[in-house]
Every structure is written in structure tokens, then in C-alpha cells.
C-alpha atoms as a PDB file:
ATOM      1  CA  MET A   1      -3.095  -1.998  27.715  1.00  0.00           C
ATOM      2  CA  GLU A   2      -0.433  -0.600  25.440  1.00  0.00           C
ATOM      3  CA  PRO A   3       1.155   2.765  26.218  1.00  0.00           C
ATOM      4  CA  THR A   4       0.176   5.556  23.840  1.00  0.00           C
ATOM      5  CA  PRO A   5       3.070   7.393  22.153  1.00  0.00           C
ATOM      6  CA  GLN A   6       3.575  10.795  23.622  1.00  0.00           C
ATOM      7  CA  SER A   7       4.472  13.790  21.573  1.00  0.00           C
ATOM      8  CA  PRO A   8       7.770  15.384  22.441  1.00  0.00           C
ATOM      9  CA  ILE A   9       7.403  18.348  24.797  1.00  0.00           C
ATOM     10  CA  THR A  10       8.592  21.522  23.039  1.00  0.00           C
ATOM     11  CA  SER A  11       8.636  24.893  24.597  1.00  0.00           C
ATOM     12  CA  GLN A  12       7.605  27.655  22.333  1.00  0.00           C
ATOM     13  CA  ASN A  13       8.569  31.181  23.414  1.00  0.00           C
ATOM     14  CA  THR A  14       6.001  33.474  21.813  1.00  0.00           C
ATOM     15  CA  ASN A  15       7.913  36.565  23.077  1.00  0.00           C
ATOM     16  CA  GLN A  16      10.952  35.960  20.976  1.00  0.00           C
ATOM     17  CA  GLU A  17      12.520  38.941  19.346  1.00  0.00           C
ATOM     18  CA  PRO A  18      12.635  38.904  15.545  1.00  0.00           C
ATOM     19  CA  THR A  19      15.895  37.660  14.141  1.00  0.00           C
ATOM     20  CA  HIS A  20      17.685  38.504  10.918  1.00  0.00           C
ATOM     21  CA  SER A  21      19.361  36.074   8.622  1.00  0.00           C
ATOM     22  CA  GLY A  22      20.794  38.662   6.204  1.00  0.00           C
ATOM     23  CA  THR A  23      24.167  39.309   4.672  1.00  0.00           C
ATOM     24  CA  THR A  24      27.364  40.297   6.425  1.00  0.00           C
ATOM     25  CA  ASN A  25      27.039  43.658   4.724  1.00  0.00           C
ATOM     26  CA  ASP A  26      23.834  44.311   6.634  1.00  0.00           C
ATOM     27  CA  THR A  27      25.555  43.180   9.901  1.00  0.00           C
ATOM     28  CA  GLY A  28      28.462  45.532   9.245  1.00  0.00           C
ATOM     29  CA  MET A  29      26.159  48.453   8.460  1.00  0.00           C
ATOM     30  CA  ALA A  30      24.081  47.794  11.585  1.00  0.00           C
ATOM     31  CA  ILE A  31      27.220  47.810  13.688  1.00  0.00           C
ATOM     32  CA  PHE A  32      28.302  50.976  12.027  1.00  0.00           C
ATOM     33  CA  ALA A  33      24.891  52.434  12.972  1.00  0.00           C
ATOM     34  CA  TYR A  34      25.934  52.371  16.648  1.00  0.00           C
ATOM     35  CA  ILE A  35      29.286  54.045  15.895  1.00  0.00           C
ATOM     36  CA  LEU A  36      28.216  56.658  13.335  1.00  0.00           C
ATOM     37  CA  PHE A  37      24.425  56.420  12.918  1.00  0.00           C
ATOM     38  CA  PHE A  38      24.360  58.575   9.781  1.00  0.00           C
ATOM     39  CA  VAL A  39      26.654  56.351   7.629  1.00  0.00           C
ATOM     40  CA  PRO A  40      23.877  53.770   6.945  1.00  0.00           C
ATOM     41  CA  LEU A  41      21.496  56.602   6.176  1.00  0.00           C
ATOM     42  CA  ILE A  42      23.935  58.091   3.579  1.00  0.00           C
ATOM     43  CA  ALA A  43      24.726  54.685   2.146  1.00  0.00           C
ATOM     44  CA  GLY A  44      21.067  54.062   1.572  1.00  0.00           C
ATOM     45  CA  ALA A  45      20.778  50.856   3.551  1.00  0.00           C
ATOM     46  CA  ASN A  46      17.170  49.742   2.977  1.00  0.00           C
ATOM     47  CA  SER A  47      17.300  46.622   5.025  1.00  0.00           C
ATOM     48  CA  PRO A  48      14.777  46.666   7.825  1.00  0.00           C
ATOM     49  CA  PHE A  49      17.452  45.187  10.074  1.00  0.00           C
ATOM     50  CA  VAL A  50      19.831  48.044   9.303  1.00  0.00           C
ATOM     51  CA  ARG A  51      17.163  50.687   9.643  1.00  0.00           C
ATOM     52  CA  PHE A  52      16.043  49.271  12.999  1.00  0.00           C
ATOM     53  CA  HIS A  53      19.579  49.497  14.408  1.00  0.00           C
ATOM     54  CA  THR A  54      20.158  52.913  12.754  1.00  0.00           C
ATOM     55  CA  ASN A  55      17.116  54.185  14.643  1.00  0.00           C
ATOM     56  CA  GLN A  56      18.508  52.598  17.879  1.00  0.00           C
ATOM     57  CA  GLY A  57      21.890  54.167  17.236  1.00  0.00           C
ATOM     58  CA  LEU A  58      20.319  57.587  16.561  1.00  0.00           C
ATOM     59  CA  VAL A  59      18.317  57.556  19.782  1.00  0.00           C
ATOM     60  CA  LEU A  60      21.327  56.424  21.712  1.00  0.00           C
ATOM     61  CA  PHE A  61      23.327  59.353  20.184  1.00  0.00           C
ATOM     62  CA  ILE A  62      20.635  61.888  21.169  1.00  0.00           C
ATOM     63  CA  PHE A  63      20.528  60.643  24.699  1.00  0.00           C
ATOM     64  CA  SER A  64      24.344  60.647  24.985  1.00  0.00           C
ATOM     65  CA  MET A  65      24.495  64.314  23.738  1.00  0.00           C
ATOM     66  CA  ALA A  66      21.815  65.211  26.185  1.00  0.00           C
ATOM     67  CA  GLY A  67      23.868  63.657  28.943  1.00  0.00           C
ATOM     68  CA  ALA A  68      26.958  65.559  27.747  1.00  0.00           C
ATOM     69  CA  PHE A  69      25.297  68.982  27.499  1.00  0.00           C
ATOM     70  CA  LEU A  70      22.685  69.067  30.315  1.00  0.00           C
ATOM     71  CA  PRO A  71      25.322  69.326  33.037  1.00  0.00           C
ATOM     72  CA  THR A  72      26.556  72.520  31.401  1.00  0.00           C
ATOM     73  CA  PHE A  73      23.251  74.248  32.040  1.00  0.00           C
ATOM     74  CA  PHE A  74      22.411  72.455  35.355  1.00  0.00           C
ATOM     75  CA  PRO A  75      25.616  72.112  37.336  1.00  0.00           C
ATOM     76  CA  PHE A  76      24.099  69.791  40.017  1.00  0.00           C
ATOM     77  CA  LEU A  77      23.950  67.071  37.230  1.00  0.00           C
ATOM     78  CA  PHE A  78      27.800  66.840  37.113  1.00  0.00           C
ATOM     79  CA  PHE A  79      27.609  64.321  39.883  1.00  0.00           C
ATOM     80  CA  PHE A  80      25.315  62.014  37.879  1.00  0.00           C
ATOM     81  CA  SER A  81      27.029  62.507  34.609  1.00  0.00           C
ATOM     82  CA  PRO A  82      29.643  59.615  34.903  1.00  0.00           C
ATOM     83  CA  PHE A  83      26.900  57.145  35.926  1.00  0.00           C
ATOM     84  CA  TYR A  84      24.720  58.280  33.051  1.00  0.00           C
ATOM     85  CA  MET A  85      27.605  57.936  30.586  1.00  0.00           C
ATOM     86  CA  LEU A  86      28.350  54.423  31.915  1.00  0.00           C
ATOM     87  CA  PHE A  87      24.668  53.553  31.304  1.00  0.00           C
ATOM     88  CA  ILE A  88      24.872  54.896  27.735  1.00  0.00           C
ATOM     89  CA  PHE A  89      28.028  52.855  27.198  1.00  0.00           C
ATOM     90  CA  ILE A  90      26.303  49.696  28.431  1.00  0.00           C
ATOM     91  CA  LEU A  91      23.461  50.393  26.095  1.00  0.00           C
ATOM     92  CA  TRP A  92      25.928  50.854  23.222  1.00  0.00           C
ATOM     93  CA  ILE A  93      27.478  47.475  23.986  1.00  0.00           C
ATOM     94  CA  LEU A  94      24.065  45.780  24.221  1.00  0.00           C
ATOM     95  CA  GLY A  95      23.158  47.186  20.786  1.00  0.00           C
ATOM     96  CA  ILE A  96      26.197  45.864  19.121  1.00  0.00           C
ATOM     97  CA  VAL A  97      25.763  42.463  20.795  1.00  0.00           C
ATOM     98  CA  ASN A  98      22.209  42.369  19.442  1.00  0.00           C
ATOM     99  CA  VAL A  99      23.559  43.034  15.938  1.00  0.00           C
ATOM    100  CA  VAL A 100      26.166  40.243  16.273  1.00  0.00           C
ATOM    101  CA  LYS A 101      23.426  37.874  17.422  1.00  0.00           C
ATOM    102  CA  ASN A 102      21.264  39.006  14.481  1.00  0.00           C
ATOM    103  CA  GLU A 103      18.455  40.207  16.722  1.00  0.00           C
ATOM    104  CA  MET A 104      16.200  43.103  16.326  1.00  0.00           C
ATOM    105  CA  LYS A 105      15.855  43.706  20.095  1.00  0.00           C
ATOM    106  CA  GLU A 106      15.102  47.074  21.530  1.00  0.00           C
ATOM    107  CA  LEU A 107      17.492  48.681  23.946  1.00  0.00           C
ATOM    108  CA  PRO A 108      16.276  48.908  27.533  1.00  0.00           C
ATOM    109  CA  LEU A 109      14.367  52.141  28.421  1.00  0.00           C
ATOM    110  CA  ILE A 110      15.037  54.020  25.248  1.00  0.00           C
ATOM    111  CA  GLY A 111      14.559  51.365  22.542  1.00  0.00           C
ATOM    112  CA  SER A 112      10.836  52.044  22.023  1.00  0.00           C
ATOM    113  CA  ILE A 113      11.460  55.573  20.691  1.00  0.00           C
ATOM    114  CA  ARG A 114      11.084  55.681  16.895  1.00  0.00           C
ATOM    115  CA  ILE A 115      12.648  58.481  14.965  1.00  0.00           C
ATOM    116  CA  LEU A 116      13.279  56.658  11.687  1.00  0.00           C
ATOM    117  CA  LYS A 117      10.382  54.855  10.050  1.00  0.00           C
END
């Protein structure tokens, strides 16, 4: 009896995040979206990759402003403010890392919020 050839085992991850293989201009604009989210909006970047990261940057900006101003009105939040800002900083780094890796991956906890369509 002759052995039957086996097909190579390949693992397919169906939960992979979409990737982007665009230009370096798109990557630069997407990184800029996390620094100043309105620059890609003004520049008119129509790439889905740039718009995705512009939305992520805008949501991150709104949450960081909330963390900056809420302790002014609720003084008991001053204790949590440094930890919250550290969390925002970590999300900011994760967003830029996702851009560099050309991934359209949502940020943890706040990434599912869509402001820009």
C-alpha cells in the first residue's frame, strides 16, 4: 500500500484585521491623524485607511479632552486622572503602531465608536 500525499497544513485565521498596502503618503497622513486629527480632514484624504485612523484619532482626542476637563468639575477624579491619561497615551501608541504595521485595527475599548463615516 502506497502512502497518499498529504496536503500541507495551513492555519487560516479568519479573524484577521484588514491590512492596507497603500502609499507612504497614506501612512504619513494616518500617523498625522493621531497627532492632529483634523489635518487629514483638511487635506482631503479620501483613502479608507486614512479615514479609519482619522476617526480613531478623533475619538482618542475626545476621550483625552474629557479626561482633562472632567476632574475640573468633579474633584474626586483628580486621583484617577494620571492613570486615565496613561491609558490614553498607551492607546495613542497602539494606534500609531497599527498604522506602521498597515493594519486597520480598532483601539481597545473606544475603537468601535464611529464619528466619521
